[in-house]
Amino acid sequence: MDSAPTLRAMRWWDIAPLLVLEHDLFPEDAWSEGMFWSELAEPETHHYVVAEDASGTIAGYAGLAVAGGDADVQTIGVRRDLWGTGLGADLLADLLSAARAHGCGHVLLEVRVDNVRAQRLYERFGFAPLGIRRGYYQPANVDALVMRCDLSRTPVPSAAPASAAASPDSNGASAGG
């Protein structure tokens, strides 16, 4: 039986293989190489992780930006063959832990209104709908549901193997903004 993917800090050499996964998950609005470089260039305010499977292949990734007392989920992506394994929950739990470590009180994100799978994952972690951003995802012109989690009121659940590991969108394709 394969072991669960392990999380580690994202590094610049992860960008090229990560882009392959990014384009598979978000073909219309995938992040560019430059977008990932830009996020990694600000380690004081940005937290990015990758999940590696036993072979060292990227199985998922996630990123968070921190500003003041708030954080914003920028991206979460999980390889399709690992949906439903709890990896999305593991990645989200890591981001929420990083937000707490930075002293944040709230975490925000945007998720496609048609990505119900991701919305259920976020709700499990205490995110609640806040509003709609019309036409946020381009070029498809899909609306984004803005969600917020109050970290002072929400314990971080542990990821269960049968959880709804989602491929929430990435920013530009994104869960975050």
C-alpha atoms as a PDB file:
ATOM      1  CA  MET A   1       0.000   0.000   0.000  1.00  0.00           C
ATOM      2  CA  ASP A   2       1.295   3.453  -0.889  1.00  0.00           C
ATOM      3  CA  SER A   3       2.080   5.807   1.935  1.00  0.00           C
ATOM      4  CA  ALA A   4       0.286   9.127   2.192  1.00  0.00           C
ATOM      5  CA  PRO A   5       1.938  12.087   0.494  1.00  0.00           C
ATOM      6  CA  THR A   6       4.161  14.199   2.721  1.00  0.00           C
ATOM      7  CA  LEU A   7       4.031  17.980   2.917  1.00  0.00           C
ATOM      8  CA  ARG A   8       7.075  20.198   2.635  1.00  0.00           C
ATOM      9  CA  ALA A   9       7.840  23.802   1.783  1.00  0.00           C
ATOM     10  CA  MET A  10       7.519  24.647  -1.907  1.00  0.00           C
ATOM     11  CA  ARG A  11      10.822  25.591  -3.570  1.00  0.00           C
ATOM     12  CA  TRP A  12      11.660  27.191  -6.900  1.00  0.00           C
ATOM     13  CA  TRP A  13      12.599  23.836  -8.444  1.00  0.00           C
ATOM     14  CA  ASP A  14       9.024  22.641  -7.826  1.00  0.00           C
ATOM     15  CA  ILE A  15       7.560  25.213 -10.204  1.00  0.00           C
ATOM     16  CA  ALA A  16       8.162  23.376 -13.514  1.00  0.00           C
ATOM     17  CA  PRO A  17       6.584  20.049 -12.434  1.00  0.00           C
ATOM     18  CA  LEU A  18       3.883  21.918 -10.522  1.00  0.00           C
ATOM     19  CA  LEU A  19       2.852  23.776 -13.695  1.00  0.00           C
ATOM     20  CA  VAL A  20       2.017  20.446 -15.367  1.00  0.00           C
ATOM     21  CA  LEU A  21      -0.420  19.655 -12.556  1.00  0.00           C
ATOM     22  CA  GLU A  22      -1.725  23.234 -12.499  1.00  0.00           C
ATOM     23  CA  HIS A  23      -2.587  23.088 -16.220  1.00  0.00           C
ATOM     24  CA  ASP A  24      -4.287  19.719 -15.796  1.00  0.00           C
ATOM     25  CA  LEU A  25      -6.453  20.968 -12.921  1.00  0.00           C
ATOM     26  CA  PHE A  26      -7.164  24.471 -14.231  1.00  0.00           C
ATOM     27  CA  PRO A  27      -6.828  24.416 -18.021  1.00  0.00           C
ATOM     28  CA  GLU A  28      -8.696  27.691 -18.613  1.00  0.00           C
ATOM     29  CA  ASP A  29      -7.118  29.832 -15.965  1.00  0.00           C
ATOM     30  CA  ALA A  30      -3.945  28.161 -14.745  1.00  0.00           C
ATOM     31  CA  TRP A  31      -1.347  30.200 -12.962  1.00  0.00           C
ATOM     32  CA  SER A  32       1.749  31.139 -14.921  1.00  0.00           C
ATOM     33  CA  GLU A  33       5.324  30.353 -13.968  1.00  0.00           C
ATOM     34  CA  GLY A  34       5.781  34.014 -13.086  1.00  0.00           C
ATOM     35  CA  MET A  35       2.859  33.950 -10.678  1.00  0.00           C
ATOM     36  CA  PHE A  36       4.401  31.098  -8.697  1.00  0.00           C
ATOM     37  CA  TRP A  37       7.833  32.802  -8.729  1.00  0.00           C
ATOM     38  CA  SER A  38       6.230  35.982  -7.439  1.00  0.00           C
ATOM     39  CA  GLU A  39       4.517  34.159  -4.569  1.00  0.00           C
ATOM     40  CA  LEU A  40       7.702  32.337  -3.536  1.00  0.00           C
ATOM     41  CA  ALA A  41       9.637  35.617  -3.590  1.00  0.00           C
ATOM     42  CA  GLU A  42       7.795  36.807  -0.464  1.00  0.00           C
ATOM     43  CA  PRO A  43       8.390  34.143   2.209  1.00  0.00           C
ATOM     44  CA  GLU A  44       7.630  36.541   5.075  1.00  0.00           C
ATOM     45  CA  THR A  45       4.016  36.955   3.948  1.00  0.00           C
ATOM     46  CA  HIS A  46       3.427  33.868   1.797  1.00  0.00           C
ATOM     47  CA  HIS A  47       3.289  30.216   2.847  1.00  0.00           C
ATOM     48  CA  TYR A  48       3.448  27.600   0.058  1.00  0.00           C
ATOM     49  CA  VAL A  49       3.664  23.839   0.409  1.00  0.00           C
ATOM     50  CA  VAL A  50       3.756  20.843  -1.896  1.00  0.00           C
ATOM     51  CA  ALA A  51       2.714  17.286  -1.160  1.00  0.00           C
ATOM     52  CA  GLU A  52       4.999  14.596  -2.543  1.00  0.00           C
ATOM     53  CA  ASP A  53       4.022  10.978  -3.045  1.00  0.00           C
ATOM     54  CA  ALA A  54       6.406   8.108  -2.265  1.00  0.00           C
ATOM     55  CA  SER A  55       8.070   8.463  -5.688  1.00  0.00           C
ATOM     56  CA  GLY A  56       8.800  12.164  -5.102  1.00  0.00           C
ATOM     57  CA  THR A  57       6.138  13.293  -7.587  1.00  0.00           C
ATOM     58  CA  ILE A  58       4.051  16.319  -6.686  1.00  0.00           C
ATOM     59  CA  ALA A  59       0.639  15.125  -5.545  1.00  0.00           C
ATOM     60  CA  GLY A  60      -0.736  18.508  -4.507  1.00  0.00           C
ATOM     61  CA  TYR A  61       0.117  22.038  -3.488  1.00  0.00           C
ATOM     62  CA  ALA A  62      -1.310  24.970  -1.569  1.00  0.00           C
ATOM     63  CA  GLY A  63      -0.525  28.581  -0.830  1.00  0.00           C
ATOM     64  CA  LEU A  64      -1.502  31.308   1.596  1.00  0.00           C
ATOM     65  CA  ALA A  65      -0.886  35.059   1.686  1.00  0.00           C
ATOM     66  CA  VAL A  66      -0.902  37.022   4.948  1.00  0.00           C
ATOM     67  CA  ALA A  67      -1.684  40.723   5.306  1.00  0.00           C
ATOM     68  CA  GLY A  68      -2.158  42.272   8.706  1.00  0.00           C
ATOM     69  CA  GLY A  69      -4.417  40.082  10.806  1.00  0.00           C
ATOM     70  CA  ASP A  70      -5.979  38.291   7.835  1.00  0.00           C
ATOM     71  CA  ALA A  71      -4.856  35.558   5.487  1.00  0.00           C
ATOM     72  CA  ASP A  72      -6.060  34.561   2.039  1.00  0.00           C
ATOM     73  CA  VAL A  73      -5.946  31.072   0.551  1.00  0.00           C
ATOM     74  CA  GLN A  74      -4.290  31.665  -2.790  1.00  0.00           C
ATOM     75  CA  THR A  75      -4.411  28.159  -4.220  1.00  0.00           C
ATOM     76  CA  ILE A  76      -5.024  24.508  -3.472  1.00  0.00           C
ATOM     77  CA  GLY A  77      -4.630  21.755  -6.032  1.00  0.00           C
ATOM     78  CA  VAL A  78      -4.713  17.978  -5.675  1.00  0.00           C
ATOM     79  CA  ARG A  79      -3.797  15.462  -8.352  1.00  0.00           C
ATOM     80  CA  ARG A  80      -7.018  13.924  -9.721  1.00  0.00           C
ATOM     81  CA  ASP A  81      -6.106  10.349  -8.770  1.00  0.00           C
ATOM     82  CA  LEU A  82      -5.871  11.498  -5.133  1.00  0.00           C
ATOM     83  CA  TRP A  83      -9.249  13.227  -4.881  1.00  0.00           C
ATOM     84  CA  GLY A  84     -11.192  11.846  -1.938  1.00  0.00           C
ATOM     85  CA  THR A  85      -8.093  10.707  -0.018  1.00  0.00           C
ATOM     86  CA  GLY A  86      -7.916  13.571   2.471  1.00  0.00           C
ATOM     87  CA  LEU A  87      -4.962  15.305   0.824  1.00  0.00           C
ATOM     88  CA  GLY A  88      -6.975  18.480   0.158  1.00  0.00           C
ATOM     89  CA  ALA A  89      -7.924  18.554   3.836  1.00  0.00           C
ATOM     90  CA  ASP A  90      -4.286  18.046   4.854  1.00  0.00           C
ATOM     91  CA  LEU A  91      -3.212  20.954   2.659  1.00  0.00           C
ATOM     92  CA  LEU A  92      -5.970  23.224   3.965  1.00  0.00           C
ATOM     93  CA  ALA A  93      -5.160  22.288   7.574  1.00  0.00           C
ATOM     94  CA  ASP A  94      -1.528  23.252   6.918  1.00  0.00           C
ATOM     95  CA  LEU A  95      -2.596  26.652   5.551  1.00  0.00           C
ATOM     96  CA  LEU A  96      -4.848  27.334   8.533  1.00  0.00           C
ATOM     97  CA  SER A  97      -2.047  26.361  10.899  1.00  0.00           C
ATOM     98  CA  ALA A  98       0.281  28.797   9.104  1.00  0.00           C
ATOM     99  CA  ALA A  99      -2.361  31.542   9.349  1.00  0.00           C
ATOM    100  CA  ARG A 100      -2.639  30.955  13.090  1.00  0.00           C
ATOM    101  CA  ALA A 101       1.152  31.012  13.432  1.00  0.00           C
ATOM    102  CA  HIS A 102       1.140  34.436  11.739  1.00  0.00           C
ATOM    103  CA  GLY A 103      -1.433  35.674  14.261  1.00  0.00           C
ATOM    104  CA  CYS A 104      -4.289  35.905  11.776  1.00  0.00           C
ATOM    105  CA  GLY A 105      -7.859  36.055  13.008  1.00  0.00           C
ATOM    106  CA  HIS A 106      -9.576  35.320   9.713  1.00  0.00           C
ATOM    107  CA  VAL A 107      -8.864  33.436   6.511  1.00  0.00           C
ATOM    108  CA  LEU A 108     -10.591  34.342   3.268  1.00  0.00           C
ATOM    109  CA  LEU A 109     -10.797  32.536  -0.050  1.00  0.00           C
ATOM    110  CA  GLU A 110     -12.602  32.541  -3.361  1.00  0.00           C
ATOM    111  CA  VAL A 111     -13.937  29.340  -4.876  1.00  0.00           C
ATOM    112  CA  ARG A 112     -15.824  28.769  -8.106  1.00  0.00           C
ATOM    113  CA  VAL A 113     -19.573  28.692  -7.515  1.00  0.00           C
ATOM    114  CA  ASP A 114     -19.689  25.450  -9.511  1.00  0.00           C
ATOM    115  CA  ASN A 115     -17.021  23.722  -7.369  1.00  0.00           C
ATOM    116  CA  VAL A 116     -19.341  22.218  -4.755  1.00  0.00           C
ATOM    117  CA  ARG A 117     -16.749  19.600  -3.799  1.00  0.00           C
ATOM    118  CA  ALA A 118     -14.316  22.302  -2.677  1.00  0.00           C
ATOM    119  CA  GLN A 119     -17.050  24.282  -0.940  1.00  0.00           C
ATOM    120  CA  ARG A 120     -17.924  21.241   1.195  1.00  0.00           C
ATOM    121  CA  LEU A 121     -14.270  20.867   2.194  1.00  0.00           C
ATOM    122  CA  TYR A 122     -14.089  24.519   3.196  1.00  0.00           C
ATOM    123  CA  GLU A 123     -17.333  24.300   5.171  1.00  0.00           C
ATOM    124  CA  ARG A 124     -15.910  21.337   7.098  1.00  0.00           C
ATOM    125  CA  PHE A 125     -13.099  23.636   8.210  1.00  0.00           C
ATOM    126  CA  GLY A 126     -15.469  26.382   9.375  1.00  0.00           C
ATOM    127  CA  PHE A 127     -15.586  28.591   6.275  1.00  0.00           C
ATOM    128  CA  ALA A 128     -18.900  30.371   5.724  1.00  0.00           C
ATOM    129  CA  PRO A 129     -20.167  32.170   2.607  1.00  0.00           C
ATOM    130  CA  LEU A 130     -19.562  35.912   2.622  1.00  0.00           C
ATOM    131  CA  GLY A 131     -20.610  37.022  -0.875  1.00  0.00           C
ATOM    132  CA  ILE A 132     -20.231  36.565  -4.627  1.00  0.00           C
ATOM    133  CA  ARG A 133     -17.657  38.086  -6.978  1.00  0.00           C
ATOM    134  CA  ARG A 134     -19.291  38.192 -10.395  1.00  0.00           C
ATOM    135  CA  GLY A 135     -17.173  37.008 -13.325  1.00  0.00           C
ATOM    136  CA  TYR A 136     -14.109  36.462 -11.116  1.00  0.00           C
ATOM    137  CA  TYR A 137     -12.769  33.453 -13.030  1.00  0.00           C
ATOM    138  CA  GLN A 138     -11.719  34.433 -16.511  1.00  0.00           C
ATOM    139  CA  PRO A 139     -11.901  33.715 -19.375  1.00  0.00           C
ATOM    140  CA  ALA A 140     -14.857  31.452 -18.457  1.00  0.00           C
ATOM    141  CA  ASN A 141     -16.637  34.353 -16.669  1.00  0.00           C
ATOM    142  CA  VAL A 142     -17.549  32.122 -13.706  1.00  0.00           C
ATOM    143  CA  ASP A 143     -18.569  33.701 -10.416  1.00  0.00           C
ATOM    144  CA  ALA A 144     -16.590  33.174  -7.225  1.00  0.00           C
ATOM    145  CA  LEU A 145     -18.083  32.454  -3.836  1.00  0.00           C
ATOM    146  CA  VAL A 146     -16.136  34.381  -1.194  1.00  0.00           C
ATOM    147  CA  MET A 147     -15.825  32.437   2.059  1.00  0.00           C
ATOM    148  CA  ARG A 148     -14.355  33.353   5.431  1.00  0.00           C
ATOM    149  CA  CYS A 149     -13.176  31.370   8.427  1.00  0.00           C
ATOM    150  CA  ASP A 150     -12.960  32.946  11.880  1.00  0.00           C
ATOM    151  CA  LEU A 151      -9.929  31.192  13.365  1.00  0.00           C
ATOM    152  CA  SER A 152     -10.804  32.229  16.919  1.00  0.00           C
ATOM    153  CA  ARG A 153     -14.041  30.243  16.727  1.00  0.00           C
ATOM    154  CA  THR A 154     -13.045  27.335  14.543  1.00  0.00           C
ATOM    155  CA  PRO A 155     -10.967  24.366  15.624  1.00  0.00           C
ATOM    156  CA  VAL A 156      -9.022  22.787  12.788  1.00  0.00           C
ATOM    157  CA  PRO A 157     -10.435  19.306  12.160  1.00  0.00           C
ATOM    158  CA  SER A 158      -8.100  16.476  11.381  1.00  0.00           C
ATOM    159  CA  ALA A 159      -8.190  15.180   7.832  1.00  0.00           C
ATOM    160  CA  ALA A 160     -10.105  11.924   7.526  1.00  0.00           C
ATOM    161  CA  PRO A 161      -9.139   9.515   4.745  1.00  0.00           C
ATOM    162  CA  ALA A 162     -12.665   9.614   3.350  1.00  0.00           C
ATOM    163  CA  SER A 163     -12.766  13.403   3.331  1.00  0.00           C
ATOM    164  CA  ALA A 164     -13.706  15.382   0.285  1.00  0.00           C
ATOM    165  CA  ALA A 165     -10.205  16.158  -0.858  1.00  0.00           C
ATOM    166  CA  ALA A 166     -10.927  18.780  -3.404  1.00  0.00           C
ATOM    167  CA  SER A 167      -9.055  20.468  -6.099  1.00  0.00           C
ATOM    168  CA  PRO A 168     -10.200  23.862  -5.048  1.00  0.00           C
ATOM    169  CA  ASP A 169      -9.248  26.391  -7.592  1.00  0.00           C
ATOM    170  CA  SER A 170      -5.959  28.210  -7.606  1.00  0.00           C
ATOM    171  CA  ASN A 171      -5.776  31.990  -7.705  1.00  0.00           C
ATOM    172  CA  GLY A 172      -6.312  32.975 -11.261  1.00  0.00           C
ATOM    173  CA  ALA A 173      -7.884  29.612 -11.388  1.00  0.00           C
ATOM    174  CA  SER A 174      -8.319  30.100  -7.851  1.00  0.00           C
ATOM    175  CA  ALA A 175      -9.304  29.691  -4.318  1.00  0.00           C
ATOM    176  CA  GLY A 176      -7.884  32.938  -3.216  1.00  0.00           C
ATOM    177  CA  GLY A 177      -7.299  36.340  -4.371  1.00  0.00           C
END
